[in-house]
C-alpha atoms as a PDB file:
ATOM      1  CA  MET A   1     112.728  29.850 266.842  1.00  0.00           C
ATOM      2  CA  ASP A   2     114.592  27.078 268.803  1.00  0.00           C
ATOM      3  CA  ASN A   3     118.368  26.658 268.250  1.00  0.00           C
ATOM      4  CA  ASP A   4     119.888  23.444 266.949  1.00  0.00           C
ATOM      5  CA  ILE A   5     122.977  24.308 269.056  1.00  0.00           C
ATOM      6  CA  LEU A   6     123.601  26.540 271.934  1.00  0.00           C
ATOM      7  CA  ALA A   7     127.131  27.492 272.687  1.00  0.00           C
ATOM      8  CA  ILE A   8     128.318  29.052 275.963  1.00  0.00           C
ATOM      9  CA  GLY A   9     131.560  31.032 276.552  1.00  0.00           C
ATOM     10  CA  GLU A  10     133.558  34.026 276.071  1.00  0.00           C
ATOM     11  CA  PRO A  11     133.706  36.146 272.833  1.00  0.00           C
ATOM     12  CA  LEU A  12     136.666  38.517 272.164  1.00  0.00           C
ATOM     13  CA  LEU A  13     137.441  41.233 269.664  1.00  0.00           C
ATOM     14  CA  GLU A  14     140.527  40.528 267.621  1.00  0.00           C
ATOM     15  CA  PHE A  15     143.382  42.721 266.586  1.00  0.00           C
ATOM     16  CA  ASN A  16     145.389  40.894 263.939  1.00  0.00           C
ATOM     17  CA  ALA A  17     148.717  42.024 262.605  1.00  0.00           C
ATOM     18  CA  ARG A  18     148.737  42.632 258.908  1.00  0.00           C
ATOM     19  CA  ALA A  19     152.503  41.550 258.619  1.00  0.00           C
ATOM     20  CA  GLU A  20     154.904  39.186 260.365  1.00  0.00           C
ATOM     21  CA  GLY A  21     156.807  40.666 263.324  1.00  0.00           C
ATOM     22  CA  ARG A  22     154.309  43.134 264.622  1.00  0.00           C
ATOM     23  CA  GLU A  23     154.160  43.580 268.292  1.00  0.00           C
ATOM     24  CA  PRO A  24     150.785  44.285 270.129  1.00  0.00           C
ATOM     25  CA  VAL A  25     151.835  47.687 271.230  1.00  0.00           C
ATOM     26  CA  GLY A  26     151.607  51.361 270.078  1.00  0.00           C
ATOM     27  CA  LEU A  27     148.448  51.105 268.125  1.00  0.00           C
ATOM     28  CA  GLY A  28     147.834  53.993 265.801  1.00  0.00           C
ATOM     29  CA  GLY A  29     151.256  54.689 264.409  1.00  0.00           C
ATOM     30  CA  PRO A  30     152.206  54.204 260.754  1.00  0.00           C
ATOM     31  CA  ASP A  31     153.852  50.850 261.476  1.00  0.00           C
ATOM     32  CA  ASP A  32     151.152  49.332 263.460  1.00  0.00           C
ATOM     33  CA  GLU A  33     148.732  47.922 261.073  1.00  0.00           C
ATOM     34  CA  TYR A  34     146.101  45.575 262.564  1.00  0.00           C
ATOM     35  CA  SER A  35     142.869  44.223 261.030  1.00  0.00           C
ATOM     36  CA  VAL A  36     139.975  44.190 263.335  1.00  0.00           C
ATOM     37  CA  GLY A  37     138.039  40.924 263.701  1.00  0.00           C
ATOM     38  CA  TYR A  38     136.495  38.537 266.084  1.00  0.00           C
ATOM     39  CA  GLY A  39     137.373  35.701 268.292  1.00  0.00           C
ATOM     40  CA  GLY A  40     136.662  33.624 271.311  1.00  0.00           C
ATOM     41  CA  ASP A  41     136.522  29.882 270.772  1.00  0.00           C
ATOM     42  CA  SER A  42     132.733  29.499 271.420  1.00  0.00           C
ATOM     43  CA  SER A  43     131.810  32.419 269.290  1.00  0.00           C
ATOM     44  CA  ASN A  44     134.015  31.038 266.462  1.00  0.00           C
ATOM     45  CA  PHE A  45     132.134  27.779 266.907  1.00  0.00           C
ATOM     46  CA  ALA A  46     128.762  29.314 266.572  1.00  0.00           C
ATOM     47  CA  VAL A  47     129.544  31.174 263.547  1.00  0.00           C
ATOM     48  CA  ALA A  48     131.255  28.059 261.944  1.00  0.00           C
ATOM     49  CA  ALA A  49     128.208  25.858 262.699  1.00  0.00           C
ATOM     50  CA  GLN A  50     125.825  28.492 261.434  1.00  0.00           C
ATOM     51  CA  ARG A  51     127.687  28.921 258.052  1.00  0.00           C
ATOM     52  CA  SER A  52     127.472  25.168 257.743  1.00  0.00           C
ATOM     53  CA  GLY A  53     123.643  25.195 258.059  1.00  0.00           C
ATOM     54  CA  ALA A  54     122.771  24.775 261.668  1.00  0.00           C
ATOM     55  CA  ARG A  55     120.694  27.318 263.721  1.00  0.00           C
ATOM     56  CA  THR A  56     122.812  28.478 266.624  1.00  0.00           C
ATOM     57  CA  GLY A  57     122.349  30.511 269.742  1.00  0.00           C
ATOM     58  CA  TYR A  58     125.004  31.969 272.109  1.00  0.00           C
ATOM     59  CA  VAL A  59     125.002  32.270 275.875  1.00  0.00           C
ATOM     60  CA  THR A  60     127.497  34.893 277.129  1.00  0.00           C
ATOM     61  CA  ARG A  61     127.960  38.172 278.698  1.00  0.00           C
ATOM     62  CA  ILE A  62     129.571  41.315 277.067  1.00  0.00           C
ATOM     63  CA  GLY A  63     130.066  44.874 277.940  1.00  0.00           C
ATOM     64  CA  ASP A  64     127.781  47.867 276.560  1.00  0.00           C
ATOM     65  CA  ASP A  65     130.812  49.265 275.210  1.00  0.00           C
ATOM     66  CA  ASP A  66     131.778  49.641 271.423  1.00  0.00           C
ATOM     67  CA  PHE A  67     133.471  46.240 271.413  1.00  0.00           C
ATOM     68  CA  GLY A  68     130.445  44.521 272.643  1.00  0.00           C
ATOM     69  CA  ASP A  69     128.431  46.444 269.990  1.00  0.00           C
ATOM     70  CA  ALA A  70     130.634  45.043 267.384  1.00  0.00           C
ATOM     71  CA  LEU A  71     130.265  41.435 268.496  1.00  0.00           C
ATOM     72  CA  LEU A  72     126.509  41.827 268.604  1.00  0.00           C
ATOM     73  CA  ARG A  73     126.581  43.035 265.008  1.00  0.00           C
ATOM     74  CA  LEU A  74     128.574  40.102 263.953  1.00  0.00           C
ATOM     75  CA  TRP A  75     126.157  37.603 265.359  1.00  0.00           C
ATOM     76  CA  GLN A  76     123.179  39.392 263.988  1.00  0.00           C
ATOM     77  CA  ARG A  77     124.771  39.360 260.588  1.00  0.00           C
ATOM     78  CA  GLU A  78     125.610  35.756 260.901  1.00  0.00           C
ATOM     79  CA  GLY A  79     122.162  34.612 262.227  1.00  0.00           C
ATOM     80  CA  VAL A  80     123.527  33.532 265.586  1.00  0.00           C
ATOM     81  CA  GLY A  81     120.908  33.897 268.160  1.00  0.00           C
ATOM     82  CA  THR A  82     121.486  36.525 270.712  1.00  0.00           C
ATOM     83  CA  GLU A  83     118.449  36.233 273.145  1.00  0.00           C
ATOM     84  CA  HIS A  84     120.734  34.796 275.852  1.00  0.00           C
ATOM     85  CA  VAL A  85     123.389  37.373 275.327  1.00  0.00           C
ATOM     86  CA  VAL A  86     123.645  39.681 278.563  1.00  0.00           C
ATOM     87  CA  ARG A  87     124.717  43.203 278.014  1.00  0.00           C
ATOM     88  CA  GLU A  88     126.546  44.404 281.232  1.00  0.00           C
ATOM     89  CA  ALA A  89     126.553  48.127 281.919  1.00  0.00           C
ATOM     90  CA  GLY A  90     130.068  49.467 282.380  1.00  0.00           C
ATOM     91  CA  GLY A  91     131.624  46.056 281.385  1.00  0.00           C
ATOM     92  CA  ARG A  92     134.551  46.036 279.251  1.00  0.00           C
ATOM     93  CA  THR A  93     134.447  43.317 276.553  1.00  0.00           C
ATOM     94  CA  GLY A  94     137.729  41.373 276.284  1.00  0.00           C
ATOM     95  CA  ILE A  95     140.181  41.818 273.355  1.00  0.00           C
ATOM     96  CA  TYR A  96     143.352  40.140 272.057  1.00  0.00           C
ATOM     97  CA  PHE A  97     146.194  40.863 269.614  1.00  0.00           C
ATOM     98  CA  ILE A  98     147.699  38.402 267.143  1.00  0.00           C
ATOM     99  CA  SER A  99     151.436  39.052 265.976  1.00  0.00           C
ATOM    100  CA  ARG A 100     153.200  36.543 263.853  1.00  0.00           C
ATOM    101  CA  THR A 101     156.655  35.281 262.882  1.00  0.00           C
ATOM    102  CA  PRO A 102     157.446  32.631 260.241  1.00  0.00           C
ATOM    103  CA  ALA A 103     157.427  30.096 263.042  1.00  0.00           C
ATOM    104  CA  ALA A 104     154.260  30.752 265.020  1.00  0.00           C
ATOM    105  CA  SER A 105     151.566  33.097 266.042  1.00  0.00           C
ATOM    106  CA  ARG A 106     151.567  35.165 269.249  1.00  0.00           C
ATOM    107  CA  PHE A 107     148.554  35.956 271.137  1.00  0.00           C
ATOM    108  CA  THR A 108     148.346  38.835 273.794  1.00  0.00           C
ATOM    109  CA  TYR A 109     145.060  38.920 275.833  1.00  0.00           C
ATOM    110  CA  TYR A 110     143.298  41.775 277.660  1.00  0.00           C
ATOM    111  CA  ARG A 111     140.429  39.876 279.210  1.00  0.00           C
ATOM    112  CA  ALA A 112     140.706  40.086 282.977  1.00  0.00           C
ATOM    113  CA  ASP A 113     137.449  40.823 284.653  1.00  0.00           C
ATOM    114  CA  SER A 114     135.655  40.654 281.358  1.00  0.00           C
ATOM    115  CA  PRO A 115     131.727  40.403 281.519  1.00  0.00           C
ATOM    116  CA  ALA A 116     132.077  36.719 280.229  1.00  0.00           C
ATOM    117  CA  SER A 117     134.329  35.991 283.138  1.00  0.00           C
ATOM    118  CA  ARG A 118     131.330  36.855 285.370  1.00  0.00           C
ATOM    119  CA  LEU A 119     129.092  34.294 283.923  1.00  0.00           C
ATOM    120  CA  THR A 120     127.204  32.234 286.600  1.00  0.00           C
ATOM    121  CA  PRO A 121     124.672  29.411 286.561  1.00  0.00           C
ATOM    122  CA  ALA A 122     121.953  32.108 286.790  1.00  0.00           C
ATOM    123  CA  ASP A 123     122.881  33.126 283.264  1.00  0.00           C
ATOM    124  CA  VAL A 124     122.262  29.480 281.830  1.00  0.00           C
ATOM    125  CA  PRO A 125     118.890  29.397 280.116  1.00  0.00           C
ATOM    126  CA  ALA A 126     117.412  25.899 281.194  1.00  0.00           C
ATOM    127  CA  GLU A 127     114.494  25.974 278.853  1.00  0.00           C
ATOM    128  CA  ALA A 128     116.529  26.867 275.728  1.00  0.00           C
ATOM    129  CA  ILE A 129     119.140  24.054 276.557  1.00  0.00           C
ATOM    130  CA  ALA A 130     116.261  21.610 276.876  1.00  0.00           C
ATOM    131  CA  ARG A 131     114.937  22.717 273.414  1.00  0.00           C
ATOM    132  CA  ALA A 132     118.225  22.571 271.748  1.00  0.00           C
ATOM    133  CA  ARG A 133     119.630  19.526 270.194  1.00  0.00           C
ATOM    134  CA  MET A 134     123.241  20.103 271.335  1.00  0.00           C
ATOM    135  CA  LEU A 135     125.228  22.195 273.845  1.00  0.00           C
ATOM    136  CA  HIS A 136     128.740  23.132 273.170  1.00  0.00           C
ATOM    137  CA  VAL A 137     131.108  23.842 276.049  1.00  0.00           C
ATOM    138  CA  THR A 138     134.917  24.500 276.053  1.00  0.00           C
ATOM    139  CA  GLY A 139     137.663  24.277 278.507  1.00  0.00           C
ATOM    140  CA  ILE A 140     138.399  28.019 277.961  1.00  0.00           C
ATOM    141  CA  THR A 141     134.877  28.936 279.424  1.00  0.00           C
ATOM    142  CA  GLN A 142     135.633  26.753 282.433  1.00  0.00           C
ATOM    143  CA  ALA A 143     139.216  28.316 282.769  1.00  0.00           C
ATOM    144  CA  ILE A 144     138.364  32.120 282.829  1.00  0.00           C
ATOM    145  CA  SER A 145     136.798  31.983 286.269  1.00  0.00           C
ATOM    146  CA  PRO A 146     135.316  29.794 288.838  1.00  0.00           C
ATOM    147  CA  SER A 147     131.812  31.105 288.251  1.00  0.00           C
ATOM    148  CA  ALA A 148     132.117  30.448 284.571  1.00  0.00           C
ATOM    149  CA  CYS A 149     133.199  26.981 285.310  1.00  0.00           C
ATOM    150  CA  ASP A 150     130.208  26.551 287.532  1.00  0.00           C
ATOM    151  CA  ALA A 151     128.011  27.849 284.744  1.00  0.00           C
ATOM    152  CA  ALA A 152     129.444  25.394 282.290  1.00  0.00           C
ATOM    153  CA  PHE A 153     128.952  22.363 284.442  1.00  0.00           C
ATOM    154  CA  HIS A 154     125.476  23.558 285.248  1.00  0.00           C
ATOM    155  CA  ALA A 155     124.697  23.750 281.616  1.00  0.00           C
ATOM    156  CA  MET A 156     126.037  20.317 280.927  1.00  0.00           C
ATOM    157  CA  GLU A 157     124.063  18.859 283.897  1.00  0.00           C
ATOM    158  CA  LEU A 158     120.859  20.504 282.481  1.00  0.00           C
ATOM    159  CA  ALA A 159     121.760  19.119 278.898  1.00  0.00           C
ATOM    160  CA  ARG A 160     121.970  15.536 280.199  1.00  0.00           C
ATOM    161  CA  GLY A 161     118.865  15.809 282.178  1.00  0.00           C
ATOM    162  CA  SER A 162     116.924  16.818 279.135  1.00  0.00           C
ATOM    163  CA  GLY A 163     118.536  14.461 276.587  1.00  0.00           C
ATOM    164  CA  THR A 164     120.486  17.241 274.823  1.00  0.00           C
ATOM    165  CA  LEU A 165     123.671  16.116 273.307  1.00  0.00           C
ATOM    166  CA  ILE A 166     126.863  17.783 274.795  1.00  0.00           C
ATOM    167  CA  GLY A 167     129.913  18.647 272.531  1.00  0.00           C
ATOM    168  CA  TYR A 168     133.084  19.571 274.431  1.00  0.00           C
ATOM    169  CA  ASP A 169     136.411  20.867 273.321  1.00  0.00           C
ATOM    170  CA  PRO A 170     139.062  21.033 276.130  1.00  0.00           C
ATOM    171  CA  ASN A 171     140.882  23.921 274.360  1.00  0.00           C
ATOM    172  CA  TYR A 172     143.530  23.705 276.995  1.00  0.00           C
ATOM    173  CA  ARG A 173     145.522  26.951 277.527  1.00  0.00           C
ATOM    174  CA  PRO A 174     148.204  26.587 280.022  1.00  0.00           C
ATOM    175  CA  ALA A 175     148.389  30.377 280.763  1.00  0.00           C
ATOM    176  CA  LEU A 176     144.772  30.279 281.960  1.00  0.00           C
ATOM    177  CA  TRP A 177     145.000  27.656 284.752  1.00  0.00           C
ATOM    178  CA  PRO A 178     147.359  24.955 286.156  1.00  0.00           C
ATOM    179  CA  VAL A 179     147.546  21.659 284.393  1.00  0.00           C
ATOM    180  CA  GLU A 180     146.399  19.814 287.551  1.00  0.00           C
ATOM    181  CA  ARG A 181     143.119  21.604 287.778  1.00  0.00           C
ATOM    182  CA  ALA A 182     142.749  21.596 284.046  1.00  0.00           C
ATOM    183  CA  ARG A 183     143.127  17.877 283.894  1.00  0.00           C
ATOM    184  CA  ALA A 184     140.530  17.224 286.531  1.00  0.00           C
ATOM    185  CA  VAL A 185     137.957  19.663 285.032  1.00  0.00           C
ATOM    186  CA  VAL A 186     138.475  18.445 281.462  1.00  0.00           C
ATOM    187  CA  MET A 187     138.334  14.749 282.266  1.00  0.00           C
ATOM    188  CA  ARG A 188     135.120  15.216 284.319  1.00  0.00           C
ATOM    189  CA  SER A 189     133.574  17.183 281.462  1.00  0.00           C
ATOM    190  CA  VAL A 190     134.665  14.452 278.931  1.00  0.00           C
ATOM    191  CA  GLU A 191     132.755  11.958 280.973  1.00  0.00           C
ATOM    192  CA  LEU A 192     129.746  14.137 280.781  1.00  0.00           C
ATOM    193  CA  CYS A 193     129.846  14.815 277.040  1.00  0.00           C
ATOM    194  CA  ASP A 194     128.669  12.831 273.990  1.00  0.00           C
ATOM    195  CA  VAL A 195     131.157  14.366 271.555  1.00  0.00           C
ATOM    196  CA  ALA A 196     134.671  15.189 272.663  1.00  0.00           C
ATOM    197  CA  LEU A 197     136.802  17.180 270.231  1.00  0.00           C
ATOM    198  CA  PRO A 198     140.373  17.474 271.651  1.00  0.00           C
ATOM    199  CA  ASN A 199     143.480  18.351 269.771  1.00  0.00           C
ATOM    200  CA  LEU A 200     146.689  16.221 269.806  1.00  0.00           C
ATOM    201  CA  GLU A 201     148.892  18.889 271.749  1.00  0.00           C
ATOM    202  CA  GLU A 202     146.595  19.403 274.513  1.00  0.00           C
ATOM    203  CA  GLY A 203     145.866  15.731 274.631  1.00  0.00           C
ATOM    204  CA  ARG A 204     149.336  14.984 275.194  1.00  0.00           C
ATOM    205  CA  LEU A 205     149.632  17.628 277.968  1.00  0.00           C
ATOM    206  CA  LEU A 206     146.394  16.360 279.758  1.00  0.00           C
ATOM    207  CA  THR A 207     146.983  12.529 279.359  1.00  0.00           C
ATOM    208  CA  GLY A 208     150.688  12.319 279.656  1.00  0.00           C
ATOM    209  CA  LEU A 209     150.653  10.074 276.624  1.00  0.00           C
ATOM    210  CA  HIS A 210     152.360  10.691 273.367  1.00  0.00           C
ATOM    211  CA  GLU A 211     151.258   8.463 270.522  1.00  0.00           C
ATOM    212  CA  PRO A 212     147.962   9.844 268.784  1.00  0.00           C
ATOM    213  CA  GLU A 213     146.225   6.447 269.184  1.00  0.00           C
ATOM    214  CA  GLU A 214     147.068   6.328 272.897  1.00  0.00           C
ATOM    215  CA  VAL A 215     145.783   9.981 273.444  1.00  0.00           C
ATOM    216  CA  LEU A 216     142.722   9.111 271.502  1.00  0.00           C
ATOM    217  CA  GLY A 217     142.057   5.906 273.637  1.00  0.00           C
ATOM    218  CA  ALA A 218     142.437   7.842 276.986  1.00  0.00           C
ATOM    219  CA  PHE A 219     139.465  10.122 275.928  1.00  0.00           C
ATOM    220  CA  VAL A 220     137.432   7.113 274.643  1.00  0.00           C
ATOM    221  CA  ARG A 221     137.771   5.319 277.933  1.00  0.00           C
ATOM    222  CA  ARG A 222     136.079   8.337 279.636  1.00  0.00           C
ATOM    223  CA  GLY A 223     132.775   7.381 277.807  1.00  0.00           C
ATOM    224  CA  PRO A 224     131.744   9.749 275.069  1.00  0.00           C
ATOM    225  CA  GLY A 225     130.194   7.983 272.129  1.00  0.00           C
ATOM    226  CA  ILE A 226     132.164  10.097 269.518  1.00  0.00           C
ATOM    227  CA  VAL A 227     135.889  11.361 269.935  1.00  0.00           C
ATOM    228  CA  VAL A 228     137.705  13.337 267.407  1.00  0.00           C
ATOM    229  CA  LEU A 229     141.422  13.914 267.933  1.00  0.00           C
ATOM    230  CA  LYS A 230     142.443  17.021 265.797  1.00  0.00           C
ATOM    231  CA  MET A 231     145.974  16.829 264.483  1.00  0.00           C
ATOM    232  CA  GLY A 232     146.308  19.966 262.408  1.00  0.00           C
ATOM    233  CA  ASP A 233     147.985  19.399 259.013  1.00  0.00           C
ATOM    234  CA  GLN A 234     148.223  15.653 259.948  1.00  0.00           C
ATOM    235  CA  GLY A 235     144.374  15.328 259.803  1.00  0.00           C
ATOM    236  CA  ALA A 236     142.462  13.757 262.505  1.00  0.00           C
ATOM    237  CA  LEU A 237     141.415  10.368 264.228  1.00  0.00           C
ATOM    238  CA  LEU A 238     137.737   9.524 264.782  1.00  0.00           C
ATOM    239  CA  ALA A 239     136.808   6.981 267.292  1.00  0.00           C
ATOM    240  CA  HIS A 240     133.136   5.823 266.984  1.00  0.00           C
ATOM    241  CA  GLU A 241     131.465   2.411 267.914  1.00  0.00           C
ATOM    242  CA  GLY A 242     134.739   0.736 268.656  1.00  0.00           C
ATOM    243  CA  THR A 243     136.301   1.689 265.212  1.00  0.00           C
ATOM    244  CA  VAL A 244     139.213   4.335 264.741  1.00  0.00           C
ATOM    245  CA  THR A 245     139.406   5.991 261.407  1.00  0.00           C
ATOM    246  CA  ARG A 246     141.968   8.288 260.226  1.00  0.00           C
ATOM    247  CA  ILE A 247     140.633  11.402 258.620  1.00  0.00           C
ATOM    248  CA  PRO A 248     143.207  12.871 256.020  1.00  0.00           C
ATOM    249  CA  PRO A 249     144.022  16.686 255.965  1.00  0.00           C
ATOM    250  CA  HIS A 250     142.799  18.866 253.176  1.00  0.00           C
ATOM    251  CA  PRO A 251     145.843  20.361 251.566  1.00  0.00           C
ATOM    252  CA  VAL A 252     146.063  24.113 251.554  1.00  0.00           C
ATOM    253  CA  ARG A 253     148.412  27.002 251.786  1.00  0.00           C
ATOM    254  CA  ALA A 254     147.941  27.916 255.471  1.00  0.00           C
ATOM    255  CA  VAL A 255     148.243  31.707 256.407  1.00  0.00           C
ATOM    256  CA  ASP A 256     146.746  31.800 259.762  1.00  0.00           C
ATOM    257  CA  PRO A 257     145.770  28.903 261.796  1.00  0.00           C
ATOM    258  CA  SER A 258     143.645  30.823 264.208  1.00  0.00           C
ATOM    259  CA  GLY A 259     140.245  29.303 264.881  1.00  0.00           C
ATOM    260  CA  ALA A 260     140.827  26.311 262.736  1.00  0.00           C
ATOM    261  CA  GLY A 261     139.812  23.875 265.495  1.00  0.00           C
ATOM    262  CA  ASP A 262     136.746  25.925 266.342  1.00  0.00           C
ATOM    263  CA  THR A 263     135.689  25.822 262.720  1.00  0.00           C
ATOM    264  CA  PHE A 264     136.241  21.913 262.802  1.00  0.00           C
ATOM    265  CA  ASP A 265     133.923  21.672 265.836  1.00  0.00           C
ATOM    266  CA  GLY A 266     131.254  23.862 264.487  1.00  0.00           C
ATOM    267  CA  ALA A 267     131.286  22.263 261.095  1.00  0.00           C
ATOM    268  CA  PHE A 268     131.257  18.757 262.569  1.00  0.00           C
ATOM    269  CA  ALA A 269     128.398  19.461 264.964  1.00  0.00           C
ATOM    270  CA  ALA A 270     126.386  21.045 262.044  1.00  0.00           C
ATOM    271  CA  ARG A 271     126.770  18.099 259.840  1.00  0.00           C
ATOM    272  CA  LEU A 272     126.121  15.591 262.558  1.00  0.00           C
ATOM    273  CA  LEU A 273     122.756  17.043 263.701  1.00  0.00           C
ATOM    274  CA  GLU A 274     121.852  17.192 260.034  1.00  0.00           C
ATOM    275  CA  GLY A 275     122.101  13.454 259.945  1.00  0.00           C
ATOM    276  CA  ALA A 276     125.524  12.796 258.682  1.00  0.00           C
ATOM    277  CA  VAL A 277     127.318   9.747 259.998  1.00  0.00           C
ATOM    278  CA  PRO A 278     130.333  10.668 262.061  1.00  0.00           C
ATOM    279  CA  LEU A 279     132.859   9.630 259.532  1.00  0.00           C
ATOM    280  CA  GLU A 280     131.143  11.924 256.870  1.00  0.00           C
ATOM    281  CA  ALA A 281     130.818  14.821 259.255  1.00  0.00           C
ATOM    282  CA  ALA A 282     134.569  14.553 260.092  1.00  0.00           C
ATOM    283  CA  ARG A 283     135.558  14.625 256.436  1.00  0.00           C
ATOM    284  CA  TYR A 284     133.614  17.723 255.986  1.00  0.00           C
ATOM    285  CA  ALA A 285     134.976  19.362 259.165  1.00  0.00           C
ATOM    286  CA  ALA A 286     138.580  18.560 258.017  1.00  0.00           C
ATOM    287  CA  VAL A 287     137.970  20.585 254.773  1.00  0.00           C
ATOM    288  CA  ALA A 288     136.188  23.301 256.482  1.00  0.00           C
ATOM    289  CA  ALA A 289     139.069  23.743 259.112  1.00  0.00           C
ATOM    290  CA  ALA A 290     141.637  23.756 256.348  1.00  0.00           C
ATOM    291  CA  LEU A 291     139.975  26.469 254.490  1.00  0.00           C
ATOM    292  CA  THR A 292     139.794  28.613 257.639  1.00  0.00           C
ATOM    293  CA  THR A 293     143.711  28.747 257.654  1.00  0.00           C
ATOM    294  CA  THR A 294     144.025  30.160 254.121  1.00  0.00           C
ATOM    295  CA  GLY A 295     142.962  33.829 255.329  1.00  0.00           C
ATOM    296  CA  PRO A 296     143.750  36.144 258.400  1.00  0.00           C
ATOM    297  CA  GLY A 297     141.885  36.033 261.552  1.00  0.00           C
ATOM    298  CA  ALA A 298     139.508  33.575 263.212  1.00  0.00           C
ATOM    299  CA  VAL A 299     136.082  34.414 261.687  1.00  0.00           C
ATOM    300  CA  LEU A 300     136.629  35.957 258.103  1.00  0.00           C
ATOM    301  CA  PRO A 301     138.007  32.909 256.430  1.00  0.00           C
ATOM    302  CA  ILE A 302     135.371  30.475 257.952  1.00  0.00           C
ATOM    303  CA  PRO A 303     133.801  28.956 254.873  1.00  0.00           C
ATOM    304  CA  HIS A 304     130.261  28.497 254.060  1.00  0.00           C
ATOM    305  CA  ARG A 305     128.594  25.132 253.459  1.00  0.00           C
ATOM    306  CA  ALA A 306     128.794  25.421 249.519  1.00  0.00           C
ATOM    307  CA  ALA A 307     132.618  26.192 249.602  1.00  0.00           C
ATOM    308  CA  VAL A 308     133.272  23.004 251.561  1.00  0.00           C
ATOM    309  CA  ASP A 309     130.861  20.759 249.648  1.00  0.00           C
ATOM    310  CA  ALA A 310     132.474  21.746 246.339  1.00  0.00           C
ATOM    311  CA  LEU A 311     135.788  20.333 247.584  1.00  0.00           C
ATOM    312  CA  LEU A 312     134.514  16.982 248.921  1.00  0.00           C
ATOM    313  CA  PRO A 313     134.691  13.765 247.018  1.00  0.00           C
ATOM    314  CA  GLY A 314     131.850  13.267 244.649  1.00  0.00           C
ATOM    315  CA  ALA A 315     131.170  16.948 244.302  1.00  0.00           C
ATOM    316  CA  PRO A 316     129.806  17.913 240.896  1.00  0.00           C
ATOM    317  CA  THR A 317     132.167  19.357 238.279  1.00  0.00           C
ATOM    318  CA  PRO A 318     131.359  23.086 237.617  1.00  0.00           C
ATOM    319  CA  ALA A 319     130.107  23.461 234.042  1.00  0.00           C
ATOM    320  CA  PRO A 320     132.573  25.275 231.715  1.00  0.00           C
END
C-alpha cells in the first residue's frame, strides 16, 4: 500500500527520568529510575501523523541490536510502514536520556556513528517518494552527517520532480552544527519546501530577527506556500495566501514538552492531506501538540484523532 507521507531521518530510543533532578548516569541503581520510550523527530512525526489518520512510511537506518528491534516493534504497532528501513549489521542504534528540573529538560545524546548518520542518497526510495503525497524532512536529519544531509536534499529534489509536497521542520540544534552552516542549509531547504514548520526560538537564531511576525515573514519570503511559526504555549502564527492568522494555544497542564513540535507537524500534515484548509489543520495540530505535553516522553502521550476532535470547537457533547 502506498503511503500518504514518507518521513526520512533518525530514530532514537529514549530513557526518560521519572522524577526531577535525575542525571543520565549510573543506570540500574535504586535511585536511577528511567522509563524507556522512543524519540527522534522524524519518527515522532510519523507516529503523530499515523495517529491522526494518515498512512505513513519511514526511511531510515537502524542497527540489528535490541534498540533497533524495539523501534521496529513500535512502528509495526503504530502502522508506520517499514519497507524502507535498513537494518545495519553490527550497527548501534542511537539513544538519549532526558533529565528534568523545574525550569527545563536536559537531553543527553549517544548517537555518534549511528546507522541513521550513515544515510546516503542510495537509501532514498525514488519510486516511493513519487507515489507519496508528502515528504517530511527535518534539519536534524541534515545535521547528523554530510551523507544524511545529501540524502535529505536528494529526497527533496525527487519530490519536487514528481509533484510530491514537501514538509520541512528546521528543528535547529546548535550542538549539532554551526549556525552559519545551519542557516545556509535550512534556508535552502525552506526554498525547496511547500510547508515550512519552524519554531520561534530557532527562527530567531536563524534569521537574526526577534518579533514573531518578522521571523514568520523571513520564512514566507523564501517561497513556501504555507508557513506555520510554532510558539509553544503562545500558540502559532499561520501564513497562507498572503494572510497571517494567530492560532491560540490549547490550555493544558504541561508535564513534558518532548516531541510537541513533532506532533504538531504530523497532525498538521495528516489533516492537510485529508483536505482540511490550513487554518483548520493548524487549529487541530495546536490541540494535538498541547495534549502531547501532558504526559512523559515523546511518543506515549501523542493523541489519537478522536481525542483531539473531542476538544475542538463544535465537537459533540458526550451523552450523560
